[in-house]
Amino acid sequence: KGVSQAKRLARYTGWFIKMRNFKIAKSSEARIFAYAYEHRRFSKQQIAHDLGMSLPTVAKVLAALTKEGFVVKDGSFPSAGGRPPAAFGFCPDARYAVGVELVAHKIEVAFIDLYGQVLDRYCHQIAFDRSEAYGQEAIRLFEEDLARLGIPRNRLLGATVGRGDGYFHGESGDGA
C-alpha cells in the first residue's frame, strides 16, 4: 500500500516523469550502442531512421558514446543534395578484455577487442608455484604487456584467469 501511494505522489510531482525519461535515455543508449556495434559505420540520420528515434536523441547519445571512445567521427557519406551526412564508426579498441592462462611453466596473456579479435598474445616462461612472489611477478609481467601495447587501465573491461593442463597434470604435486 505504501509503495502505490509513493508512486501516485511521484506521478503528480513530476519525479516519475524524470525517472521515466532517464530509463528511456538508458534504453536509447543501449539500442544505439548495439546499432553502432552491428553496423560499424553509420550516420546519425541512419540511426534515427532505422531505430525510429529523434535526431536530437541520437545526437546526444552519439556525443556521449564519442566522449567515452566507443564511437569516432569517420569522414562523411556521399551527399544526396545539400551537406553530406557525417559518418561515424564504432571503435572496437575502446575497451579490451584480457585472458590469462597459468600453465606449469608459463603464463599466456591475450588482449581481445570488443569484436573478440585478439590484439596480441604474450607468453612468459615462468614456472608456476603458489607463492606470493609468483603472483607479484605475474602482475609485473601483465603490467609490462599492458604498457607495451599502450593500453590505459581505464580501457580494460576485465580479465579472466584460468589454469591450464600443465597445472593439473604436472608439477603442482597435488593434482588440484
N, C-alpha and C. Protein backbone atom coordinates (compact mmCIF):
# COMPACT_ATOMS: atom_id res chain seq x y z
N LYS A 1 0.83 -1.20 0.00
CA LYS A 1 0.00 0.00 0.00
C LYS A 1 0.87 1.25 0.00
N GLY A 2 1.94 1.27 0.79
CA GLY A 2 2.83 2.42 0.86
C GLY A 2 3.53 2.68 -0.47
N VAL A 3 3.86 1.62 -1.17
CA VAL A 3 4.54 1.78 -2.45
C VAL A 3 3.62 2.42 -3.46
N SER A 4 2.39 1.97 -3.55
CA SER A 4 1.47 2.55 -4.54
C SER A 4 1.19 4.01 -4.23
N GLN A 5 1.10 4.39 -2.95
CA GLN A 5 0.91 5.79 -2.61
C GLN A 5 2.11 6.61 -3.03
N ALA A 6 3.31 6.07 -2.86
CA ALA A 6 4.52 6.77 -3.27
C ALA A 6 4.55 6.96 -4.78
N LYS A 7 4.11 5.93 -5.51
CA LYS A 7 4.06 6.04 -6.97
C LYS A 7 3.08 7.13 -7.40
N ARG A 8 1.91 7.15 -6.77
CA ARG A 8 0.93 8.18 -7.13
C ARG A 8 1.45 9.57 -6.84
N LEU A 9 2.08 9.73 -5.68
CA LEU A 9 2.64 11.03 -5.31
C LEU A 9 3.74 11.42 -6.30
N ALA A 10 4.58 10.47 -6.65
CA ALA A 10 5.67 10.75 -7.59
C ALA A 10 5.13 11.18 -8.95
N ARG A 11 4.07 10.55 -9.42
CA ARG A 11 3.48 10.91 -10.71
C ARG A 11 3.02 12.37 -10.70
N TYR A 12 2.41 12.77 -9.61
CA TYR A 12 1.88 14.12 -9.54
C TYR A 12 2.97 15.16 -9.34
N THR A 13 4.07 14.82 -8.78
CA THR A 13 5.11 15.81 -8.52
C THR A 13 6.11 15.95 -9.66
N GLY A 14 6.07 15.08 -10.65
CA GLY A 14 6.98 15.18 -11.77
C GLY A 14 8.20 14.29 -11.61
N TRP A 15 8.43 13.77 -10.41
CA TRP A 15 9.58 12.89 -10.19
C TRP A 15 9.47 11.66 -11.07
N PHE A 16 8.27 11.12 -11.19
CA PHE A 16 8.06 9.93 -12.01
C PHE A 16 8.44 10.20 -13.47
N ILE A 17 8.09 11.37 -13.96
CA ILE A 17 8.41 11.71 -15.35
C ILE A 17 9.92 11.77 -15.53
N LYS A 18 10.62 12.36 -14.58
CA LYS A 18 12.08 12.41 -14.67
C LYS A 18 12.67 11.01 -14.70
N MET A 19 12.16 10.13 -13.86
CA MET A 19 12.67 8.76 -13.82
C MET A 19 12.35 8.02 -15.12
N ARG A 20 11.16 8.23 -15.66
CA ARG A 20 10.82 7.58 -16.93
C ARG A 20 11.75 8.05 -18.04
N ASN A 21 12.01 9.36 -18.10
CA ASN A 21 12.91 9.89 -19.12
C ASN A 21 14.31 9.31 -18.97
N PHE A 22 14.75 9.12 -17.74
CA PHE A 22 16.07 8.54 -17.50
C PHE A 22 16.12 7.12 -18.05
N LYS A 23 15.09 6.34 -17.79
CA LYS A 23 15.05 4.96 -18.30
C LYS A 23 15.01 4.94 -19.82
N ILE A 24 14.26 5.86 -20.40
CA ILE A 24 14.19 5.93 -21.85
C ILE A 24 15.58 6.26 -22.41
N ALA A 25 16.27 7.21 -21.77
CA ALA A 25 17.61 7.57 -22.24
C ALA A 25 18.54 6.37 -22.16
N LYS A 26 18.48 5.61 -21.08
CA LYS A 26 19.35 4.44 -20.95
C LYS A 26 19.01 3.41 -22.02
N SER A 27 17.73 3.23 -22.29
CA SER A 27 17.31 2.30 -23.32
C SER A 27 17.80 2.78 -24.68
N SER A 28 17.72 4.07 -24.93
CA SER A 28 18.21 4.63 -26.19
C SER A 28 19.70 4.41 -26.33
N GLU A 29 20.45 4.63 -25.26
CA GLU A 29 21.89 4.41 -25.32
C GLU A 29 22.20 2.97 -25.68
N ALA A 30 21.52 2.04 -25.07
CA ALA A 30 21.78 0.63 -25.34
C ALA A 30 21.43 0.28 -26.79
N ARG A 31 20.32 0.79 -27.28
CA ARG A 31 19.92 0.50 -28.66
C ARG A 31 20.89 1.11 -29.67
N ILE A 32 21.33 2.33 -29.41
CA ILE A 32 22.26 2.99 -30.32
C ILE A 32 23.64 2.32 -30.25
N PHE A 33 24.07 1.94 -29.05
CA PHE A 33 25.34 1.23 -28.91
C PHE A 33 25.29 -0.07 -29.72
N ALA A 34 24.21 -0.82 -29.59
CA ALA A 34 24.07 -2.09 -30.32
C ALA A 34 24.06 -1.83 -31.83
N TYR A 35 23.38 -0.78 -32.26
CA TYR A 35 23.35 -0.43 -33.68
C TYR A 35 24.76 -0.12 -34.18
N ALA A 36 25.49 0.70 -33.43
CA ALA A 36 26.85 1.07 -33.82
C ALA A 36 27.75 -0.17 -33.89
N TYR A 37 27.60 -1.03 -32.91
CA TYR A 37 28.40 -2.25 -32.85
C TYR A 37 28.13 -3.13 -34.08
N GLU A 38 26.88 -3.28 -34.44
CA GLU A 38 26.50 -4.15 -35.56
C GLU A 38 26.81 -3.54 -36.93
N HIS A 39 26.64 -2.24 -37.07
CA HIS A 39 26.79 -1.62 -38.39
C HIS A 39 28.19 -1.08 -38.66
N ARG A 40 28.97 -0.87 -37.64
CA ARG A 40 30.37 -0.42 -37.73
C ARG A 40 30.55 0.98 -38.30
N ARG A 41 29.86 1.35 -39.35
CA ARG A 41 29.93 2.71 -39.93
C ARG A 41 28.51 3.16 -40.23
N PHE A 42 28.18 4.38 -39.84
CA PHE A 42 26.79 4.82 -39.88
C PHE A 42 26.73 6.34 -39.76
N SER A 43 25.53 6.88 -40.00
CA SER A 43 25.29 8.31 -39.79
C SER A 43 24.19 8.47 -38.75
N LYS A 44 24.09 9.68 -38.21
CA LYS A 44 23.01 9.98 -37.26
C LYS A 44 21.65 9.72 -37.91
N GLN A 45 21.54 10.14 -39.17
CA GLN A 45 20.28 10.00 -39.88
C GLN A 45 19.89 8.53 -40.05
N GLN A 46 20.87 7.67 -40.34
CA GLN A 46 20.59 6.23 -40.48
C GLN A 46 20.06 5.67 -39.16
N ILE A 47 20.71 6.01 -38.07
CA ILE A 47 20.27 5.51 -36.76
C ILE A 47 18.86 6.00 -36.47
N ALA A 48 18.64 7.30 -36.64
CA ALA A 48 17.31 7.87 -36.35
C ALA A 48 16.24 7.16 -37.17
N HIS A 49 16.51 6.96 -38.45
CA HIS A 49 15.54 6.30 -39.33
C HIS A 49 15.34 4.84 -38.93
N ASP A 50 16.43 4.09 -38.82
CA ASP A 50 16.34 2.65 -38.56
C ASP A 50 15.77 2.32 -37.18
N LEU A 51 16.06 3.15 -36.19
CA LEU A 51 15.59 2.86 -34.83
C LEU A 51 14.34 3.65 -34.47
N GLY A 52 13.89 4.52 -35.37
CA GLY A 52 12.68 5.30 -35.09
C GLY A 52 12.86 6.27 -33.93
N MET A 53 14.03 6.91 -33.89
CA MET A 53 14.33 7.86 -32.82
C MET A 53 14.47 9.26 -33.40
N SER A 54 14.36 10.24 -32.53
CA SER A 54 14.54 11.62 -32.99
C SER A 54 16.02 11.90 -33.20
N LEU A 55 16.31 12.80 -34.12
CA LEU A 55 17.69 13.17 -34.40
C LEU A 55 18.38 13.79 -33.18
N PRO A 56 17.70 14.64 -32.39
CA PRO A 56 18.35 15.18 -31.19
C PRO A 56 18.73 14.08 -30.17
N THR A 57 17.89 13.07 -30.02
CA THR A 57 18.21 11.96 -29.10
C THR A 57 19.43 11.21 -29.61
N VAL A 58 19.46 10.93 -30.90
CA VAL A 58 20.59 10.21 -31.49
C VAL A 58 21.86 11.04 -31.33
N ALA A 59 21.79 12.34 -31.61
CA ALA A 59 22.96 13.21 -31.49
C ALA A 59 23.49 13.24 -30.07
N LYS A 60 22.59 13.30 -29.10
CA LYS A 60 23.00 13.35 -27.69
C LYS A 60 23.69 12.04 -27.28
N VAL A 61 23.13 10.92 -27.68
CA VAL A 61 23.72 9.63 -27.32
C VAL A 61 25.05 9.44 -28.04
N LEU A 62 25.13 9.80 -29.32
CA LEU A 62 26.38 9.67 -30.05
C LEU A 62 27.48 10.55 -29.44
N ALA A 63 27.10 11.73 -28.97
CA ALA A 63 28.08 12.60 -28.31
C ALA A 63 28.63 11.92 -27.06
N ALA A 64 27.76 11.28 -26.29
CA ALA A 64 28.21 10.56 -25.09
C ALA A 64 29.09 9.37 -25.45
N LEU A 65 28.70 8.61 -26.47
CA LEU A 65 29.49 7.46 -26.89
C LEU A 65 30.83 7.89 -27.48
N THR A 66 30.85 9.04 -28.14
CA THR A 66 32.11 9.59 -28.66
C THR A 66 33.02 10.00 -27.52
N LYS A 67 32.45 10.65 -26.52
CA LYS A 67 33.24 11.07 -25.35
C LYS A 67 33.86 9.87 -24.63
N GLU A 68 33.13 8.76 -24.58
CA GLU A 68 33.62 7.55 -23.94
C GLU A 68 34.57 6.75 -24.83
N GLY A 69 34.69 7.14 -26.10
CA GLY A 69 35.61 6.49 -27.01
C GLY A 69 35.05 5.31 -27.78
N PHE A 70 33.76 5.03 -27.62
CA PHE A 70 33.15 3.90 -28.34
C PHE A 70 32.85 4.23 -29.80
N VAL A 71 32.69 5.51 -30.10
CA VAL A 71 32.36 5.96 -31.45
C VAL A 71 33.34 7.07 -31.83
N VAL A 72 33.75 7.07 -33.10
CA VAL A 72 34.62 8.13 -33.62
C VAL A 72 34.04 8.67 -34.91
N LYS A 73 34.33 9.94 -35.20
CA LYS A 73 33.92 10.51 -36.48
C LYS A 73 34.78 9.86 -37.55
N ASP A 74 34.15 9.51 -38.68
CA ASP A 74 34.82 8.75 -39.72
C ASP A 74 34.48 9.31 -41.11
N GLY A 75 34.77 10.60 -41.31
CA GLY A 75 34.53 11.21 -42.61
C GLY A 75 33.07 11.55 -42.83
N SER A 76 32.62 11.33 -44.07
CA SER A 76 31.22 11.62 -44.40
C SER A 76 30.74 10.66 -45.49
N PHE A 77 29.43 10.59 -45.61
CA PHE A 77 28.81 9.79 -46.66
C PHE A 77 28.54 10.69 -47.86
N PRO A 78 28.37 10.12 -49.05
CA PRO A 78 28.05 10.95 -50.22
C PRO A 78 26.74 11.71 -50.00
N SER A 79 26.71 12.90 -50.51
CA SER A 79 25.54 13.76 -50.35
C SER A 79 24.46 13.38 -51.34
N ALA A 80 23.21 13.46 -50.88
CA ALA A 80 22.06 13.26 -51.77
C ALA A 80 21.45 14.63 -52.07
N GLY A 81 22.28 15.66 -51.98
CA GLY A 81 21.84 17.05 -52.13
C GLY A 81 21.98 17.74 -50.79
N GLY A 82 22.69 18.83 -50.77
CA GLY A 82 22.93 19.51 -49.51
C GLY A 82 24.22 19.01 -48.86
N ARG A 83 24.35 19.28 -47.61
CA ARG A 83 25.56 18.92 -46.89
C ARG A 83 25.62 17.40 -46.70
N PRO A 84 26.80 16.79 -46.96
CA PRO A 84 26.90 15.34 -46.78
C PRO A 84 26.80 14.96 -45.30
N PRO A 85 26.10 13.87 -45.02
CA PRO A 85 25.97 13.45 -43.62
C PRO A 85 27.30 12.95 -43.06
N ALA A 86 27.58 13.34 -41.83
CA ALA A 86 28.80 12.90 -41.16
C ALA A 86 28.73 11.40 -40.91
N ALA A 87 29.85 10.75 -41.12
CA ALA A 87 29.94 9.31 -40.85
C ALA A 87 30.59 9.10 -39.50
N PHE A 88 30.10 8.10 -38.80
CA PHE A 88 30.67 7.69 -37.51
C PHE A 88 31.04 6.23 -37.62
N GLY A 89 31.99 5.83 -36.83
CA GLY A 89 32.39 4.43 -36.81
C GLY A 89 32.50 3.91 -35.39
N PHE A 90 32.18 2.66 -35.23
CA PHE A 90 32.33 2.00 -33.93
C PHE A 90 33.82 1.74 -33.71
N CYS A 91 34.28 1.94 -32.51
CA CYS A 91 35.70 1.80 -32.19
C CYS A 91 35.91 0.53 -31.35
N PRO A 92 36.28 -0.59 -31.98
CA PRO A 92 36.39 -1.84 -31.24
C PRO A 92 37.52 -1.86 -30.21
N ASP A 93 38.45 -0.93 -30.33
CA ASP A 93 39.52 -0.89 -29.34
C ASP A 93 39.27 0.15 -28.25
N ALA A 94 38.00 0.51 -28.07
CA ALA A 94 37.65 1.42 -26.98
C ALA A 94 37.83 0.74 -25.63
N ARG A 95 37.67 -0.56 -25.60
CA ARG A 95 37.86 -1.36 -24.37
C ARG A 95 38.44 -2.71 -24.76
N TYR A 96 39.07 -3.34 -23.80
CA TYR A 96 39.68 -4.66 -24.02
C TYR A 96 39.33 -5.60 -22.89
N ALA A 97 39.28 -6.85 -23.24
CA ALA A 97 39.20 -7.92 -22.24
C ALA A 97 40.55 -8.64 -22.29
N VAL A 98 40.89 -9.27 -21.19
CA VAL A 98 42.18 -9.95 -21.11
C VAL A 98 41.94 -11.39 -20.66
N GLY A 99 42.60 -12.30 -21.34
CA GLY A 99 42.58 -13.70 -20.94
C GLY A 99 43.98 -14.10 -20.47
N VAL A 100 44.05 -14.73 -19.32
CA VAL A 100 45.33 -15.16 -18.76
C VAL A 100 45.23 -16.65 -18.47
N GLU A 101 46.21 -17.40 -18.95
CA GLU A 101 46.25 -18.83 -18.66
C GLU A 101 47.54 -19.14 -17.92
N LEU A 102 47.38 -19.76 -16.76
CA LEU A 102 48.53 -20.18 -15.95
C LEU A 102 48.79 -21.65 -16.26
N VAL A 103 49.95 -21.93 -16.79
CA VAL A 103 50.35 -23.29 -17.14
C VAL A 103 51.60 -23.61 -16.32
N ALA A 104 51.95 -24.88 -16.23
CA ALA A 104 53.05 -25.32 -15.37
C ALA A 104 54.31 -24.48 -15.50
N HIS A 105 54.72 -24.16 -16.73
CA HIS A 105 55.98 -23.45 -16.94
C HIS A 105 55.85 -22.14 -17.68
N LYS A 106 54.62 -21.62 -17.77
CA LYS A 106 54.46 -20.36 -18.48
C LYS A 106 53.14 -19.68 -18.11
N ILE A 107 53.08 -18.40 -18.46
CA ILE A 107 51.87 -17.60 -18.34
C ILE A 107 51.58 -17.08 -19.74
N GLU A 108 50.38 -17.33 -20.24
CA GLU A 108 49.98 -16.81 -21.53
C GLU A 108 48.92 -15.74 -21.33
N VAL A 109 49.09 -14.61 -22.02
CA VAL A 109 48.18 -13.47 -21.88
C VAL A 109 47.70 -13.07 -23.27
N ALA A 110 46.39 -12.87 -23.43
CA ALA A 110 45.82 -12.41 -24.70
C ALA A 110 44.94 -11.19 -24.44
N PHE A 111 45.10 -10.17 -25.26
CA PHE A 111 44.30 -8.96 -25.20
C PHE A 111 43.31 -9.00 -26.35
N ILE A 112 42.01 -8.81 -26.05
CA ILE A 112 40.93 -9.01 -27.01
C ILE A 112 40.09 -7.74 -27.10
N ASP A 113 39.77 -7.30 -28.34
CA ASP A 113 38.96 -6.10 -28.52
C ASP A 113 37.46 -6.41 -28.39
N LEU A 114 36.63 -5.40 -28.61
CA LEU A 114 35.19 -5.56 -28.42
C LEU A 114 34.53 -6.48 -29.44
N TYR A 115 35.20 -6.74 -30.56
CA TYR A 115 34.68 -7.68 -31.54
C TYR A 115 35.24 -9.09 -31.33
N GLY A 116 36.01 -9.28 -30.27
CA GLY A 116 36.56 -10.60 -29.98
C GLY A 116 37.83 -10.92 -30.75
N GLN A 117 38.40 -9.94 -31.42
CA GLN A 117 39.64 -10.13 -32.15
C GLN A 117 40.82 -10.03 -31.19
N VAL A 118 41.76 -10.94 -31.32
CA VAL A 118 42.94 -10.91 -30.46
C VAL A 118 43.88 -9.83 -30.97
N LEU A 119 44.15 -8.85 -30.11
CA LEU A 119 45.06 -7.77 -30.45
C LEU A 119 46.49 -8.27 -30.41
N ASP A 120 46.83 -8.97 -29.35
CA ASP A 120 48.17 -9.51 -29.21
C ASP A 120 48.18 -10.58 -28.14
N ARG A 121 49.20 -11.43 -28.21
CA ARG A 121 49.40 -12.51 -27.23
C ARG A 121 50.82 -12.43 -26.71
N TYR A 122 50.97 -12.75 -25.46
CA TYR A 122 52.30 -12.80 -24.87
C TYR A 122 52.44 -14.11 -24.12
N CYS A 123 53.63 -14.66 -24.18
CA CYS A 123 53.93 -15.89 -23.45
C CYS A 123 55.16 -15.63 -22.60
N HIS A 124 55.02 -15.83 -21.31
CA HIS A 124 56.13 -15.61 -20.37
C HIS A 124 56.53 -16.95 -19.77
N GLN A 125 57.79 -17.27 -19.91
CA GLN A 125 58.31 -18.53 -19.35
C GLN A 125 58.58 -18.32 -17.87
N ILE A 126 57.73 -18.89 -17.05
CA ILE A 126 57.86 -18.77 -15.60
C ILE A 126 57.17 -19.98 -14.98
N ALA A 127 57.88 -20.68 -14.13
CA ALA A 127 57.33 -21.89 -13.50
C ALA A 127 56.29 -21.51 -12.46
N PHE A 128 55.15 -22.21 -12.51
CA PHE A 128 54.07 -21.94 -11.57
C PHE A 128 54.43 -22.40 -10.17
N ASP A 129 54.10 -21.57 -9.20
CA ASP A 129 54.09 -22.01 -7.81
C ASP A 129 53.09 -21.15 -7.06
N ARG A 130 52.75 -21.56 -5.87
CA ARG A 130 51.68 -20.89 -5.13
C ARG A 130 52.20 -19.81 -4.18
N SER A 131 53.31 -19.21 -4.52
CA SER A 131 53.91 -18.20 -3.64
C SER A 131 53.43 -16.80 -3.98
N GLU A 132 53.59 -15.92 -3.03
CA GLU A 132 53.27 -14.51 -3.26
C GLU A 132 54.22 -13.92 -4.30
N ALA A 133 55.46 -14.38 -4.31
CA ALA A 133 56.45 -13.90 -5.28
C ALA A 133 55.99 -14.21 -6.71
N TYR A 134 55.43 -15.40 -6.92
CA TYR A 134 54.91 -15.77 -8.24
C TYR A 134 53.79 -14.81 -8.64
N GLY A 135 52.87 -14.55 -7.73
CA GLY A 135 51.76 -13.64 -8.00
C GLY A 135 52.25 -12.24 -8.34
N GLN A 136 53.23 -11.75 -7.60
CA GLN A 136 53.78 -10.42 -7.86
C GLN A 136 54.47 -10.37 -9.22
N GLU A 137 55.20 -11.44 -9.57
CA GLU A 137 55.88 -11.49 -10.87
C GLU A 137 54.86 -11.56 -12.00
N ALA A 138 53.78 -12.31 -11.82
CA ALA A 138 52.73 -12.39 -12.83
C ALA A 138 52.10 -11.02 -13.05
N ILE A 139 51.86 -10.30 -11.98
CA ILE A 139 51.28 -8.94 -12.10
C ILE A 139 52.26 -8.02 -12.82
N ARG A 140 53.53 -8.10 -12.48
CA ARG A 140 54.54 -7.26 -13.12
C ARG A 140 54.58 -7.53 -14.64
N LEU A 141 54.56 -8.80 -15.01
CA LEU A 141 54.58 -9.16 -16.43
C LEU A 141 53.34 -8.64 -17.16
N PHE A 142 52.19 -8.77 -16.51
CA PHE A 142 50.95 -8.27 -17.09
C PHE A 142 51.04 -6.76 -17.30
N GLU A 143 51.55 -6.04 -16.31
CA GLU A 143 51.70 -4.58 -16.42
C GLU A 143 52.63 -4.23 -17.57
N GLU A 144 53.70 -5.00 -17.77
CA GLU A 144 54.61 -4.78 -18.90
C GLU A 144 53.88 -4.96 -20.23
N ASP A 145 53.08 -6.00 -20.33
CA ASP A 145 52.32 -6.26 -21.55
C ASP A 145 51.38 -5.09 -21.84
N LEU A 146 50.71 -4.63 -20.83
CA LEU A 146 49.77 -3.52 -20.95
C LEU A 146 50.50 -2.27 -21.44
N ALA A 147 51.65 -1.98 -20.86
CA ALA A 147 52.43 -0.81 -21.26
C ALA A 147 52.96 -0.96 -22.69
N ARG A 148 53.40 -2.14 -23.05
CA ARG A 148 53.92 -2.39 -24.40
C ARG A 148 52.84 -2.10 -25.45
N LEU A 149 51.61 -2.43 -25.15
CA LEU A 149 50.51 -2.19 -26.08
C LEU A 149 49.96 -0.76 -25.99
N GLY A 150 50.35 -0.04 -24.95
CA GLY A 150 49.87 1.33 -24.78
C GLY A 150 48.41 1.41 -24.39
N ILE A 151 47.93 0.42 -23.66
CA ILE A 151 46.53 0.39 -23.24
C ILE A 151 46.41 0.96 -21.83
N PRO A 152 45.68 2.07 -21.67
CA PRO A 152 45.46 2.58 -20.32
C PRO A 152 44.54 1.64 -19.53
N ARG A 153 44.73 1.59 -18.23
CA ARG A 153 43.94 0.70 -17.36
C ARG A 153 42.44 0.95 -17.48
N ASN A 154 42.05 2.22 -17.69
CA ASN A 154 40.62 2.53 -17.74
C ASN A 154 39.94 1.99 -19.00
N ARG A 155 40.71 1.40 -19.91
CA ARG A 155 40.13 0.78 -21.11
C ARG A 155 40.02 -0.73 -20.98
N LEU A 156 40.32 -1.26 -19.80
CA LEU A 156 40.18 -2.69 -19.57
C LEU A 156 38.80 -2.99 -19.00
N LEU A 157 38.10 -3.89 -19.64
CA LEU A 157 36.79 -4.33 -19.13
C LEU A 157 36.97 -5.29 -17.96
N GLY A 158 37.94 -6.16 -18.08
CA GLY A 158 38.18 -7.16 -17.05
C GLY A 158 39.11 -8.23 -17.56
N ALA A 159 39.40 -9.16 -16.70
CA ALA A 159 40.31 -10.25 -17.06
C ALA A 159 39.75 -11.55 -16.52
N THR A 160 40.05 -12.61 -17.22
CA THR A 160 39.71 -13.93 -16.72
C THR A 160 41.01 -14.72 -16.63
N VAL A 161 41.15 -15.46 -15.57
CA VAL A 161 42.36 -16.23 -15.34
C VAL A 161 41.99 -17.70 -15.24
N GLY A 162 42.70 -18.52 -15.99
CA GLY A 162 42.45 -19.96 -15.96
C GLY A 162 43.74 -20.72 -15.74
N ARG A 163 43.60 -21.93 -15.24
CA ARG A 163 44.75 -22.80 -15.05
C ARG A 163 44.75 -23.84 -16.16
N GLY A 164 45.87 -23.95 -16.85
CA GLY A 164 45.98 -24.88 -17.96
C GLY A 164 46.32 -26.29 -17.52
N ASP A 165 46.36 -27.22 -18.49
CA ASP A 165 46.62 -28.64 -18.21
C ASP A 165 47.93 -28.88 -17.47
N GLY A 166 48.93 -28.08 -17.75
CA GLY A 166 50.21 -28.28 -17.06
C GLY A 166 50.07 -28.19 -15.56
N TYR A 167 49.16 -27.38 -15.11
CA TYR A 167 48.94 -27.24 -13.67
C TYR A 167 48.31 -28.51 -13.11
N PHE A 168 47.37 -29.07 -13.81
CA PHE A 168 46.63 -30.22 -13.30
C PHE A 168 47.42 -31.53 -13.40
N HIS A 169 48.26 -31.64 -14.44
CA HIS A 169 48.94 -32.91 -14.67
C HIS A 169 50.44 -32.84 -14.47
N GLY A 170 50.92 -31.74 -13.98
CA GLY A 170 52.36 -31.59 -13.92
C GLY A 170 52.92 -31.40 -12.55
N GLU A 171 53.63 -30.32 -12.41
CA GLU A 171 54.49 -30.09 -11.25
C GLU A 171 53.77 -29.62 -9.99
N SER A 172 52.46 -29.50 -9.98
CA SER A 172 51.82 -28.98 -8.77
C SER A 172 51.93 -29.97 -7.63
N GLY A 173 52.02 -31.26 -7.93
CA GLY A 173 52.23 -32.25 -6.90
C GLY A 173 50.99 -32.73 -6.19
N ASP A 174 49.91 -31.94 -6.25
CA ASP A 174 48.71 -32.36 -5.52
C ASP A 174 47.54 -32.68 -6.44
N GLY A 175 47.71 -32.52 -7.74
CA GLY A 175 46.65 -32.84 -8.69
C GLY A 175 45.44 -31.95 -8.60
N ALA A 176 45.54 -30.83 -7.86
CA ALA A 176 44.41 -29.92 -7.69
C ALA A 176 44.20 -29.07 -8.89
